[in-house]
Amino acid sequence: MAKRERREHVMATPRSFLLVDALCVGAAARRRGVGRRIMDAASDHARALGVQDVELTVQALNREALAFYEALGFRAAQLRMSRGVGRGAS
């Protein structure tokens, strides 16, 4: 987790947020509240830092993770797209 400051941009206003870079809960520990406790701790940490938002990135195909984060109140804020250009890309 890291506190980030967004730079001024014509399309954005400066603001602080806490970024959860990665969250992985082992299969044996899933559905036991571990992920929820970690994300609650991240929210508590964000409040202690005085930031307004917690942000994260999740793979679009990871339906289980999407459902988990949505159940915690997270909503899509932006869409990041990619296209392969290397060898073997179609």
PDB file of N, CA and C in Angstrom:
ATOM      1  N   MET A   1       0.843  -1.167   0.000  1.00  0.00           N
ATOM      2  CA  MET A   1       0.000   0.000   0.000  1.00  0.00           C
ATOM      3  C   MET A   1       0.886   1.226   0.000  1.00  0.00           C
ATOM      4  N   ALA A   2       0.472   2.217  -0.743  1.00  0.00           N
ATOM      5  CA  ALA A   2       1.248   3.441  -0.817  1.00  0.00           C
ATOM      6  C   ALA A   2       0.326   4.626  -0.976  1.00  0.00           C
ATOM      7  N   LYS A   3       0.669   5.708  -0.308  1.00  0.00           N
ATOM      8  CA  LYS A   3      -0.095   6.941  -0.483  1.00  0.00           C
ATOM      9  C   LYS A   3       0.416   7.602  -1.749  1.00  0.00           C
ATOM     10  N   ARG A   4      -0.500   7.949  -2.627  1.00  0.00           N
ATOM     11  CA  ARG A   4      -0.121   8.574  -3.886  1.00  0.00           C
ATOM     12  C   ARG A   4      -0.764   9.942  -4.009  1.00  0.00           C
ATOM     13  N   GLU A   5      -0.064  10.832  -4.649  1.00  0.00           N
ATOM     14  CA  GLU A   5      -0.607  12.159  -4.962  1.00  0.00           C
ATOM     15  C   GLU A   5      -0.728  12.230  -6.478  1.00  0.00           C
ATOM     16  N   ARG A   6      -1.912  12.529  -6.946  1.00  0.00           N
ATOM     17  CA  ARG A   6      -2.096  12.690  -8.387  1.00  0.00           C
ATOM     18  C   ARG A   6      -1.638  14.077  -8.796  1.00  0.00           C
ATOM     19  N   ARG A   7      -0.980  14.152  -9.933  1.00  0.00           N
ATOM     20  CA  ARG A   7      -0.532  15.442 -10.454  1.00  0.00           C
ATOM     21  C   ARG A   7      -1.689  16.148 -11.158  1.00  0.00           C
ATOM     22  N   GLU A   8      -1.565  17.464 -11.229  1.00  0.00           N
ATOM     23  CA  GLU A   8      -2.595  18.218 -11.927  1.00  0.00           C
ATOM     24  C   GLU A   8      -2.601  17.834 -13.390  1.00  0.00           C
ATOM     25  N   HIS A   9      -3.771  17.733 -13.929  1.00  0.00           N
ATOM     26  CA  HIS A   9      -3.985  17.382 -15.322  1.00  0.00           C
ATOM     27  C   HIS A   9      -5.277  18.040 -15.751  1.00  0.00           C
ATOM     28  N   VAL A  10      -5.388  18.332 -17.004  1.00  0.00           N
ATOM     29  CA  VAL A  10      -6.576  19.002 -17.496  1.00  0.00           C
ATOM     30  C   VAL A  10      -7.841  18.190 -17.224  1.00  0.00           C
ATOM     31  N   MET A  11      -7.734  16.875 -17.118  1.00  0.00           N
ATOM     32  CA  MET A  11      -8.893  16.017 -16.910  1.00  0.00           C
ATOM     33  C   MET A  11      -9.053  15.553 -15.462  1.00  0.00           C
ATOM     34  N   ALA A  12      -8.181  15.968 -14.573  1.00  0.00           N
ATOM     35  CA  ALA A  12      -8.251  15.497 -13.188  1.00  0.00           C
ATOM     36  C   ALA A  12      -7.892  16.615 -12.227  1.00  0.00           C
ATOM     37  N   THR A  13      -8.433  16.534 -11.059  1.00  0.00           N
ATOM     38  CA  THR A  13      -8.059  17.466 -10.004  1.00  0.00           C
ATOM     39  C   THR A  13      -7.115  16.761  -9.055  1.00  0.00           C
ATOM     40  N   PRO A  14      -6.179  17.497  -8.466  1.00  0.00           N
ATOM     41  CA  PRO A  14      -5.235  16.860  -7.541  1.00  0.00           C
ATOM     42  C   PRO A  14      -5.972  16.250  -6.350  1.00  0.00           C
ATOM     43  N   ARG A  15      -5.571  15.057  -5.964  1.00  0.00           N
ATOM     44  CA  ARG A  15      -6.151  14.424  -4.790  1.00  0.00           C
ATOM     45  C   ARG A  15      -5.214  13.334  -4.304  1.00  0.00           C
ATOM     46  N   SER A  16      -5.360  12.951  -3.071  1.00  0.00           N
ATOM     47  CA  SER A  16      -4.569  11.869  -2.483  1.00  0.00           C
ATOM     48  C   SER A  16      -5.426  10.619  -2.392  1.00  0.00           C
ATOM     49  N   PHE A  17      -4.784   9.474  -2.564  1.00  0.00           N
ATOM     50  CA  PHE A  17      -5.480   8.201  -2.433  1.00  0.00           C
ATOM     51  C   PHE A  17      -4.500   7.131  -1.980  1.00  0.00           C
ATOM     52  N   LEU A  18      -5.025   6.073  -1.429  1.00  0.00           N
ATOM     53  CA  LEU A  18      -4.201   4.938  -1.025  1.00  0.00           C
ATOM     54  C   LEU A  18      -4.350   3.869  -2.087  1.00  0.00           C
ATOM     55  N   LEU A  19      -3.242   3.385  -2.622  1.00  0.00           N
ATOM     56  CA  LEU A  19      -3.245   2.371  -3.660  1.00  0.00           C
ATOM     57  C   LEU A  19      -2.933   1.002  -3.071  1.00  0.00           C
ATOM     58  N   VAL A  20      -3.846   0.066  -3.234  1.00  0.00           N
ATOM     59  CA  VAL A  20      -3.581  -1.331  -2.891  1.00  0.00           C
ATOM     60  C   VAL A  20      -3.034  -1.950  -4.165  1.00  0.00           C
ATOM     61  N   ASP A  21      -1.743  -2.231  -4.165  1.00  0.00           N
ATOM     62  CA  ASP A  21      -1.067  -2.690  -5.373  1.00  0.00           C
ATOM     63  C   ASP A  21      -1.388  -4.144  -5.695  1.00  0.00           C
ATOM     64  N   ALA A  22      -1.515  -4.975  -4.686  1.00  0.00           N
ATOM     65  CA  ALA A  22      -1.800  -6.391  -4.913  1.00  0.00           C
ATOM     66  C   ALA A  22      -2.419  -6.992  -3.665  1.00  0.00           C
ATOM     67  N   LEU A  23      -3.347  -7.903  -3.874  1.00  0.00           N
ATOM     68  CA  LEU A  23      -3.946  -8.652  -2.775  1.00  0.00           C
ATOM     69  C   LEU A  23      -4.114 -10.085  -3.245  1.00  0.00           C
ATOM     70  N   CYS A  24      -3.548 -11.000  -2.501  1.00  0.00           N
ATOM     71  CA  CYS A  24      -3.679 -12.411  -2.840  1.00  0.00           C
ATOM     72  C   CYS A  24      -3.970 -13.185  -1.557  1.00  0.00           C
ATOM     73  N   VAL A  25      -5.079 -13.896  -1.559  1.00  0.00           N
ATOM     74  CA  VAL A  25      -5.444 -14.749  -0.431  1.00  0.00           C
ATOM     75  C   VAL A  25      -5.423 -16.180  -0.950  1.00  0.00           C
ATOM     76  N   GLY A  26      -4.673 -17.035  -0.299  1.00  0.00           N
ATOM     77  CA  GLY A  26      -4.578 -18.427  -0.716  1.00  0.00           C
ATOM     78  C   GLY A  26      -5.932 -19.117  -0.725  1.00  0.00           C
ATOM     79  N   ALA A  27      -6.068 -20.088  -1.611  1.00  0.00           N
ATOM     80  CA  ALA A  27      -7.346 -20.775  -1.791  1.00  0.00           C
ATOM     81  C   ALA A  27      -7.893 -21.333  -0.479  1.00  0.00           C
ATOM     82  N   ALA A  28      -7.039 -21.866   0.365  1.00  0.00           N
ATOM     83  CA  ALA A  28      -7.497 -22.470   1.624  1.00  0.00           C
ATOM     84  C   ALA A  28      -8.042 -21.429   2.603  1.00  0.00           C
ATOM     85  N   ALA A  29      -7.645 -20.164   2.431  1.00  0.00           N
ATOM     86  CA  ALA A  29      -8.082 -19.112   3.355  1.00  0.00           C
ATOM     87  C   ALA A  29      -9.246 -18.286   2.815  1.00  0.00           C
ATOM     88  N   ARG A  30      -9.650 -18.555   1.577  1.00  0.00           N
ATOM     89  CA  ARG A  30     -10.741 -17.772   0.986  1.00  0.00           C
ATOM     90  C   ARG A  30     -12.069 -18.078   1.651  1.00  0.00           C
ATOM     91  N   ARG A  31     -12.959 -17.080   1.596  1.00  0.00           N
ATOM     92  CA  ARG A  31     -14.306 -17.183   2.168  1.00  0.00           C
ATOM     93  C   ARG A  31     -14.288 -17.314   3.687  1.00  0.00           C
ATOM     94  N   ARG A  32     -13.205 -16.820   4.296  1.00  0.00           N
ATOM     95  CA  ARG A  32     -13.077 -16.842   5.757  1.00  0.00           C
ATOM     96  C   ARG A  32     -12.892 -15.436   6.325  1.00  0.00           C
ATOM     97  N   GLY A  33     -13.078 -14.426   5.487  1.00  0.00           N
ATOM     98  CA  GLY A  33     -12.987 -13.051   5.956  1.00  0.00           C
ATOM     99  C   GLY A  33     -11.598 -12.451   5.931  1.00  0.00           C
ATOM    100  N   VAL A  34     -10.619 -13.202   5.438  1.00  0.00           N
ATOM    101  CA  VAL A  34      -9.237 -12.712   5.433  1.00  0.00           C
ATOM    102  C   VAL A  34      -9.106 -11.493   4.525  1.00  0.00           C
ATOM    103  N   GLY A  35      -9.588 -11.599   3.293  1.00  0.00           N
ATOM    104  CA  GLY A  35      -9.498 -10.491   2.350  1.00  0.00           C
ATOM    105  C   GLY A  35     -10.248  -9.266   2.845  1.00  0.00           C
ATOM    106  N   ARG A  36     -11.413  -9.476   3.416  1.00  0.00           N
ATOM    107  CA  ARG A  36     -12.208  -8.364   3.948  1.00  0.00           C
ATOM    108  C   ARG A  36     -11.449  -7.661   5.073  1.00  0.00           C
ATOM    109  N   ARG A  37     -10.815  -8.428   5.959  1.00  0.00           N
ATOM    110  CA  ARG A  37     -10.054  -7.812   7.054  1.00  0.00           C
ATOM    111  C   ARG A  37      -8.867  -7.017   6.525  1.00  0.00           C
ATOM    112  N   ILE A  38      -8.216  -7.549   5.487  1.00  0.00           N
ATOM    113  CA  ILE A  38      -7.082  -6.825   4.893  1.00  0.00           C
ATOM    114  C   ILE A  38      -7.562  -5.513   4.280  1.00  0.00           C
ATOM    115  N   MET A  39      -8.655  -5.565   3.545  1.00  0.00           N
ATOM    116  CA  MET A  39      -9.168  -4.346   2.910  1.00  0.00           C
ATOM    117  C   MET A  39      -9.722  -3.370   3.939  1.00  0.00           C
ATOM    118  N   ASP A  40     -10.310  -3.869   5.021  1.00  0.00           N
ATOM    119  CA  ASP A  40     -10.744  -2.983   6.110  1.00  0.00           C
ATOM    120  C   ASP A  40      -9.540  -2.281   6.734  1.00  0.00           C
ATOM    121  N   ALA A  41      -8.441  -3.026   6.894  1.00  0.00           N
ATOM    122  CA  ALA A  41      -7.219  -2.431   7.443  1.00  0.00           C
ATOM    123  C   ALA A  41      -6.666  -1.371   6.491  1.00  0.00           C
ATOM    124  N   ALA A  42      -6.751  -1.618   5.189  1.00  0.00           N
ATOM    125  CA  ALA A  42      -6.299  -0.627   4.208  1.00  0.00           C
ATOM    126  C   ALA A  42      -7.138   0.647   4.328  1.00  0.00           C
ATOM    127  N   SER A  43      -8.455   0.482   4.488  1.00  0.00           N
ATOM    128  CA  SER A  43      -9.338   1.649   4.642  1.00  0.00           C
ATOM    129  C   SER A  43      -9.016   2.410   5.919  1.00  0.00           C
ATOM    130  N   ASP A  44      -8.767   1.689   7.004  1.00  0.00           N
ATOM    131  CA  ASP A  44      -8.392   2.331   8.266  1.00  0.00           C
ATOM    132  C   ASP A  44      -7.087   3.104   8.104  1.00  0.00           C
ATOM    133  N   HIS A  45      -6.135   2.503   7.396  1.00  0.00           N
ATOM    134  CA  HIS A  45      -4.839   3.147   7.161  1.00  0.00           C
ATOM    135  C   HIS A  45      -5.025   4.408   6.317  1.00  0.00           C
ATOM    136  N   ALA A  46      -5.875   4.342   5.311  1.00  0.00           N
ATOM    137  CA  ALA A  46      -6.147   5.509   4.466  1.00  0.00           C
ATOM    138  C   ALA A  46      -6.725   6.650   5.298  1.00  0.00           C
ATOM    139  N   ARG A  47      -7.684   6.319   6.161  1.00  0.00           N
ATOM    140  CA  ARG A  47      -8.270   7.353   7.033  1.00  0.00           C
ATOM    141  C   ARG A  47      -7.206   7.976   7.929  1.00  0.00           C
ATOM    142  N   ALA A  48      -6.324   7.127   8.474  1.00  0.00           N
ATOM    143  CA  ALA A  48      -5.260   7.632   9.352  1.00  0.00           C
ATOM    144  C   ALA A  48      -4.316   8.561   8.596  1.00  0.00           C
ATOM    145  N   LEU A  49      -4.110   8.305   7.305  1.00  0.00           N
ATOM    146  CA  LEU A  49      -3.260   9.161   6.477  1.00  0.00           C
ATOM    147  C   LEU A  49      -3.979  10.419   6.025  1.00  0.00           C
ATOM    148  N   GLY A  50      -5.290  10.432   6.184  1.00  0.00           N
ATOM    149  CA  GLY A  50      -6.070  11.594   5.768  1.00  0.00           C
ATOM    150  C   GLY A  50      -6.427  11.610   4.295  1.00  0.00           C
ATOM    151  N   VAL A  51      -6.374  10.437   3.646  1.00  0.00           N
ATOM    152  CA  VAL A  51      -6.749  10.377   2.232  1.00  0.00           C
ATOM    153  C   VAL A  51      -8.219   9.993   2.099  1.00  0.00           C
ATOM    154  N   GLN A  52      -8.798  10.335   0.970  1.00  0.00           N
ATOM    155  CA  GLN A  52     -10.234  10.162   0.778  1.00  0.00           C
ATOM    156  C   GLN A  52     -10.630   8.843   0.121  1.00  0.00           C
ATOM    157  N   ASP A  53      -9.737   8.233  -0.627  1.00  0.00           N
ATOM    158  CA  ASP A  53     -10.098   7.044  -1.407  1.00  0.00           C
ATOM    159  C   ASP A  53      -9.063   5.940  -1.285  1.00  0.00           C
ATOM    160  N   VAL A  54      -9.533   4.711  -1.452  1.00  0.00           N
ATOM    161  CA  VAL A  54      -8.673   3.539  -1.619  1.00  0.00           C
ATOM    162  C   VAL A  54      -8.902   3.067  -3.048  1.00  0.00           C
ATOM    163  N   GLU A  55      -7.816   2.868  -3.794  1.00  0.00           N
ATOM    164  CA  GLU A  55      -7.919   2.420  -5.173  1.00  0.00           C
ATOM    165  C   GLU A  55      -7.127   1.138  -5.369  1.00  0.00           C
ATOM    166  N   LEU A  56      -7.514   0.369  -6.382  1.00  0.00           N
ATOM    167  CA  LEU A  56      -6.829  -0.874  -6.717  1.00  0.00           C
ATOM    168  C   LEU A  56      -7.060  -1.178  -8.179  1.00  0.00           C
ATOM    169  N   THR A  57      -6.297  -2.103  -8.699  1.00  0.00           N
ATOM    170  CA  THR A  57      -6.461  -2.592 -10.055  1.00  0.00           C
ATOM    171  C   THR A  57      -6.794  -4.075  -9.958  1.00  0.00           C
ATOM    172  N   VAL A  58      -7.735  -4.505 -10.779  1.00  0.00           N
ATOM    173  CA  VAL A  58      -8.112  -5.920 -10.809  1.00  0.00           C
ATOM    174  C   VAL A  58      -8.242  -6.336 -12.268  1.00  0.00           C
ATOM    175  N   GLN A  59      -7.822  -7.551 -12.573  1.00  0.00           N
ATOM    176  CA  GLN A  59      -7.933  -8.056 -13.931  1.00  0.00           C
ATOM    177  C   GLN A  59      -9.402  -8.214 -14.313  1.00  0.00           C
ATOM    178  N   ALA A  60      -9.773  -7.742 -15.494  1.00  0.00           N
ATOM    179  CA  ALA A  60     -11.170  -7.766 -15.940  1.00  0.00           C
ATOM    180  C   ALA A  60     -11.739  -9.181 -15.999  1.00  0.00           C
ATOM    181  N   LEU A  61     -10.905 -10.173 -16.247  1.00  0.00           N
ATOM    182  CA  LEU A  61     -11.389 -11.558 -16.338  1.00  0.00           C
ATOM    183  C   LEU A  61     -11.484 -12.255 -14.988  1.00  0.00           C
ATOM    184  N   ASN A  62     -11.012 -11.616 -13.929  1.00  0.00           N
ATOM    185  CA  ASN A  62     -11.039 -12.219 -12.599  1.00  0.00           C
ATOM    186  C   ASN A  62     -12.383 -11.927 -11.944  1.00  0.00           C
ATOM    187  N   ARG A  63     -13.399 -12.664 -12.350  1.00  0.00           N
ATOM    188  CA  ARG A  63     -14.771 -12.421 -11.890  1.00  0.00           C
ATOM    189  C   ARG A  63     -14.920 -12.572 -10.378  1.00  0.00           C
ATOM    190  N   GLU A  64     -14.212 -13.512  -9.800  1.00  0.00           N
ATOM    191  CA  GLU A  64     -14.295 -13.714  -8.345  1.00  0.00           C
ATOM    192  C   GLU A  64     -13.787 -12.482  -7.589  1.00  0.00           C
ATOM    193  N   ALA A  65     -12.659 -11.941  -8.037  1.00  0.00           N
ATOM    194  CA  ALA A  65     -12.106 -10.748  -7.399  1.00  0.00           C
ATOM    195  C   ALA A  65     -13.007  -9.540  -7.631  1.00  0.00           C
ATOM    196  N   LEU A  66     -13.523  -9.407  -8.847  1.00  0.00           N
ATOM    197  CA  LEU A  66     -14.445  -8.300  -9.132  1.00  0.00           C
ATOM    198  C   LEU A  66     -15.646  -8.338  -8.197  1.00  0.00           C
ATOM    199  N   ALA A  67     -16.232  -9.508  -8.039  1.00  0.00           N
ATOM    200  CA  ALA A  67     -17.399  -9.650  -7.154  1.00  0.00           C
ATOM    201  C   ALA A  67     -17.019  -9.320  -5.714  1.00  0.00           C
ATOM    202  N   PHE A  68     -15.837  -9.752  -5.284  1.00  0.00           N
ATOM    203  CA  PHE A  68     -15.358  -9.473  -3.931  1.00  0.00           C
ATOM    204  C   PHE A  68     -15.251  -7.967  -3.696  1.00  0.00           C
ATOM    205  N   TYR A  69     -14.556  -7.269  -4.601  1.00  0.00           N
ATOM    206  CA  TYR A  69     -14.370  -5.829  -4.426  1.00  0.00           C
ATOM    207  C   TYR A  69     -15.691  -5.071  -4.529  1.00  0.00           C
ATOM    208  N   GLU A  70     -16.558  -5.477  -5.436  1.00  0.00           N
ATOM    209  CA  GLU A  70     -17.867  -4.826  -5.545  1.00  0.00           C
ATOM    210  C   GLU A  70     -18.678  -5.017  -4.269  1.00  0.00           C
ATOM    211  N   ALA A  71     -18.583  -6.194  -3.648  1.00  0.00           N
ATOM    212  CA  ALA A  71     -19.289  -6.448  -2.386  1.00  0.00           C
ATOM    213  C   ALA A  71     -18.771  -5.545  -1.270  1.00  0.00           C
ATOM    214  N   LEU A  72     -17.515  -5.101  -1.392  1.00  0.00           N
ATOM    215  CA  LEU A  72     -16.925  -4.186  -0.411  1.00  0.00           C
ATOM    216  C   LEU A  72     -17.246  -2.726  -0.724  1.00  0.00           C
ATOM    217  N   GLY A  73     -17.937  -2.472  -1.827  1.00  0.00           N
ATOM    218  CA  GLY A  73     -18.312  -1.110  -2.178  1.00  0.00           C
ATOM    219  C   GLY A  73     -17.456  -0.445  -3.236  1.00  0.00           C
ATOM    220  N   PHE A  74     -16.476  -1.157  -3.788  1.00  0.00           N
ATOM    221  CA  PHE A  74     -15.649  -0.594  -4.851  1.00  0.00           C
ATOM    222  C   PHE A  74     -16.453  -0.549  -6.146  1.00  0.00           C
ATOM    223  N   ARG A  75     -16.226   0.478  -6.926  1.00  0.00           N
ATOM    224  CA  ARG A  75     -16.875   0.655  -8.215  1.00  0.00           C
ATOM    225  C   ARG A  75     -15.817   1.009  -9.248  1.00  0.00           C
ATOM    226  N   ALA A  76     -16.054   0.600 -10.492  1.00  0.00           N
ATOM    227  CA  ALA A  76     -15.120   0.928 -11.575  1.00  0.00           C
ATOM    228  C   ALA A  76     -15.019   2.434 -11.727  1.00  0.00           C
ATOM    229  N   ALA A  77     -13.791   2.935 -11.798  1.00  0.00           N
ATOM    230  CA  ALA A  77     -13.568   4.363 -11.936  1.00  0.00           C
ATOM    231  C   ALA A  77     -12.952   4.704 -13.295  1.00  0.00           C
ATOM    232  N   GLN A  78     -12.265   3.752 -13.887  1.00  0.00           N
ATOM    233  CA  GLN A  78     -11.663   3.967 -15.193  1.00  0.00           C
ATOM    234  C   GLN A  78     -11.411   2.620 -15.845  1.00  0.00           C
ATOM    235  N   LEU A  79     -11.174   2.630 -17.118  1.00  0.00           N
ATOM    236  CA  LEU A  79     -10.924   1.409 -17.867  1.00  0.00           C
ATOM    237  C   LEU A  79      -9.554   1.513 -18.506  1.00  0.00           C
ATOM    238  N   ARG A  80      -8.715   0.524 -18.277  1.00  0.00           N
ATOM    239  CA  ARG A  80      -7.384   0.490 -18.874  1.00  0.00           C
ATOM    240  C   ARG A  80      -7.365  -0.654 -19.869  1.00  0.00           C
ATOM    241  N   MET A  81      -6.998  -0.371 -21.090  1.00  0.00           N
ATOM    242  CA  MET A  81      -7.010  -1.373 -22.146  1.00  0.00           C
ATOM    243  C   MET A  81      -5.593  -1.653 -22.603  1.00  0.00           C
ATOM    244  N   SER A  82      -5.367  -2.834 -23.171  1.00  0.00           N
ATOM    245  CA  SER A  82      -4.049  -3.159 -23.702  1.00  0.00           C
ATOM    246  C   SER A  82      -4.195  -3.959 -24.996  1.00  0.00           C
ATOM    247  N   ARG A  83      -3.112  -3.963 -25.773  1.00  0.00           N
ATOM    248  CA  ARG A  83      -3.072  -4.727 -27.014  1.00  0.00           C
ATOM    249  C   ARG A  83      -1.681  -5.271 -27.173  1.00  0.00           C
ATOM    250  N   GLY A  84      -1.576  -6.568 -27.399  1.00  0.00           N
ATOM    251  CA  GLY A  84      -0.276  -7.179 -27.606  1.00  0.00           C
ATOM    252  C   GLY A  84       0.309  -6.757 -28.952  1.00  0.00           C
ATOM    253  N   VAL A  85       1.602  -6.472 -28.969  1.00  0.00           N
ATOM    254  CA  VAL A  85       2.261  -6.083 -30.217  1.00  0.00           C
ATOM    255  C   VAL A  85       3.521  -6.903 -30.466  1.00  0.00           C
ATOM    256  N   GLY A  86       3.844  -7.776 -29.523  1.00  0.00           N
ATOM    257  CA  GLY A  86       5.061  -8.573 -29.664  1.00  0.00           C
ATOM    258  C   GLY A  86       4.858  -9.792 -30.537  1.00  0.00           C
ATOM    259  N   ARG A  87       5.856 -10.603 -30.614  1.00  0.00           N
ATOM    260  CA  ARG A  87       5.832 -11.823 -31.398  1.00  0.00           C
ATOM    261  C   ARG A  87       4.656 -12.697 -30.984  1.00  0.00           C
ATOM    262  N   GLY A  88       3.919 -13.170 -31.929  1.00  0.00           N
ATOM    263  CA  GLY A  88       2.795 -14.046 -31.656  1.00  0.00           C
ATOM    264  C   GLY A  88       1.505 -13.325 -31.325  1.00  0.00           C
ATOM    265  N   ALA A  89       1.532 -11.996 -31.236  1.00  0.00           N
ATOM    266  CA  ALA A  89       0.314 -11.234 -30.948  1.00  0.00           C
ATOM    267  C   ALA A  89      -0.568 -11.215 -32.195  1.00  0.00           C
ATOM    268  N   SER A  90      -1.842 -11.282 -31.965  1.00  0.00           N
ATOM    269  CA  SER A  90      -2.748 -11.220 -33.134  1.00  0.00           C
ATOM    270  C   SER A  90      -3.548  -9.959 -33.131  1.00  0.00           C
TER     271      SER A  90
END
